[in-house]
Structures are given as structure tokens and as C-alpha cells.
Protein backbone atom coordinates (compact mmCIF):
# COMPACT_ATOMS: atom_id res chain seq x y z
CA MET A 1 41.35 -55.41 17.16
CA GLY A 2 39.36 -55.03 20.26
CA PHE A 3 39.20 -55.56 23.97
CA VAL A 4 36.51 -56.98 26.22
CA ALA A 5 35.10 -55.39 29.37
CA ALA A 6 32.59 -56.89 31.79
CA SER A 7 29.33 -54.95 31.96
CA ALA A 8 29.93 -54.20 35.66
CA ALA A 9 33.05 -52.26 34.64
CA VAL A 10 31.34 -50.21 31.91
CA ARG A 11 29.68 -46.84 32.46
CA PHE A 12 28.32 -44.72 29.62
CA GLU A 13 27.96 -40.96 29.66
CA GLY A 14 25.31 -39.60 27.33
CA ALA A 15 23.60 -42.99 27.01
CA ASP A 16 20.61 -41.28 25.37
CA ASN A 17 22.87 -40.78 22.31
CA ILE A 18 23.58 -44.50 21.93
CA THR A 19 21.63 -46.51 19.37
CA CYS A 20 21.79 -50.32 19.32
CA TYR A 21 20.74 -52.64 16.55
CA PRO A 22 20.69 -56.45 16.34
CA SER A 23 23.48 -57.39 13.93
CA SER A 24 22.91 -61.15 14.22
CA ASP A 25 20.80 -63.67 16.09
CA TRP A 26 23.16 -63.47 19.07
CA ALA A 27 24.64 -59.96 19.18
CA GLU A 28 24.05 -56.26 18.86
CA ARG A 29 26.20 -53.35 17.77
CA ALA A 30 25.95 -49.81 19.05
CA PHE A 31 26.85 -46.45 17.61
CA CYS A 32 26.57 -42.79 18.51
CA ARG A 33 23.34 -41.43 17.08
CA THR A 34 24.93 -37.96 16.81
CA CYS A 35 28.15 -38.70 14.88
CA GLY A 36 27.77 -42.35 13.84
CA THR A 37 30.90 -43.63 15.59
CA HIS A 38 30.87 -47.37 16.32
CA LEU A 39 30.88 -47.84 20.10
CA PHE A 40 30.61 -51.52 21.00
CA TYR A 41 29.57 -55.06 20.15
CA ARG A 42 27.77 -57.19 22.72
CA PHE A 43 26.39 -60.74 22.88
CA THR A 44 22.67 -60.70 23.61
CA GLY A 45 22.13 -64.42 24.15
CA GLU A 46 22.80 -66.43 27.26
CA GLY A 47 26.08 -68.16 27.94
CA PRO A 48 29.76 -67.23 28.01
CA GLY A 49 30.40 -63.59 27.23
CA SER A 50 26.76 -62.55 27.43
CA VAL A 51 27.50 -59.80 29.95
CA ASP A 52 30.60 -58.46 28.22
CA TYR A 53 31.11 -55.55 25.87
CA SER A 54 33.65 -55.63 23.04
CA PHE A 55 35.19 -52.28 22.19
CA GLY A 56 37.59 -51.31 19.42
CA VAL A 57 41.10 -50.55 20.65
CA GLY A 58 40.97 -47.17 18.90
CA GLY A 59 38.34 -46.03 21.39
CA ARG A 60 40.80 -46.16 24.29
CA ASP A 61 42.77 -43.09 25.29
CA ASP A 62 45.49 -45.27 26.83
CA ARG A 63 46.41 -48.28 24.70
CA THR A 64 49.42 -49.37 26.74
CA GLY A 65 49.44 -52.70 28.52
CA LEU A 66 47.09 -54.46 26.10
CA ALA A 67 48.14 -58.01 25.22
CA LEU A 68 46.92 -60.21 22.40
CA GLU A 69 44.93 -63.01 24.06
CA LYS A 70 43.21 -64.72 21.13
CA GLU A 71 42.22 -64.46 17.49
CA ILE A 72 38.77 -65.34 16.21
CA TYR A 73 37.47 -66.04 12.71
CA VAL A 74 41.00 -66.94 11.58
CA ASP A 75 39.56 -68.87 8.63
CA CYS A 76 38.05 -65.61 7.32
CA LYS A 77 40.96 -63.22 7.82
CA PRO A 78 43.02 -61.70 4.99
CA ASP A 79 46.40 -63.38 4.41
CA ALA A 80 48.17 -60.16 5.44
CA TYR A 81 46.80 -60.46 8.98
CA THR A 82 49.42 -62.74 10.42
CA LEU A 83 49.86 -62.13 14.13
CA SER A 84 52.72 -63.76 15.97
CA GLY A 85 52.72 -65.32 19.40
CA ALA A 86 51.39 -68.33 21.21
CA HIS A 87 47.68 -67.66 21.72
CA PRO A 88 44.42 -69.40 20.81
CA ARG A 89 43.33 -69.06 17.18
CA LEU A 90 39.69 -69.98 16.64
CA THR A 91 37.89 -70.55 13.34
CA GLU A 92 34.40 -69.15 12.91
CA GLN A 93 32.85 -72.50 13.84
CA GLU A 94 35.11 -72.93 16.88
CA PHE A 95 34.33 -69.42 18.10
CA LEU A 96 30.57 -69.81 17.65
CA LYS A 97 30.71 -73.11 19.51
CA SER A 98 32.66 -71.45 22.36
CA ILE A 99 29.81 -68.95 22.88
CA GLY A 100 27.08 -71.56 22.54
CA PHE A 101 25.83 -70.80 19.04
CA ALA A 102 27.04 -73.86 17.12
CA ASP A 103 27.11 -77.59 17.63
């Protein structure tokens, strides 16, 4: 599970310890070069979401007030991951299309 933050709202301390690598044709992942902790996922292409960072919920000190807004890659999830509620559920193809990387 994760949350999204606009790049204008993100500030990194110790940025010289962050290493990024391209994990796909459209995104990069970053980790701490000192301890190896995963830090964020970010779209690198143009289009919706290209200026946002995705962080794991576990990286937040305060996890209160977070609401489930959508699920992605629902066609790839384990059967045990059944989340309740009325929210969008996108397949891999639907999600990639929503960010401009599929027809």
C-alpha cells in the first residue's frame, strides 16, 4: 500500500544518499544508498502522475487519516488481497492506459 505526494510537497534531507534506477520504461525507484531502504517510486514519462512520488505507507510516522482511493493491478493480486469499499479497481492494462502507456 502506498500514498502519492506531488513533487512540490516533497522535500528530501540527505538527498546525496538517494540512488535512483529506472525500473521500467516509464518509472524509476529510489532507495537509500546507505541502508538500502526503498524510498519511492516515480513516473518519469510525461502525462498524468509524472510529477508525483509514490511512497510506501510504512514510511510515514503518522498513518492516521489515510483512505483507500483506488487499487491498481487487480488482475495480478493474490486472492487473499480482497479490500472492501467502493473505489476504482484497475487492471494492469487499465492502469497503464490511465497514465498514457497503453492503447
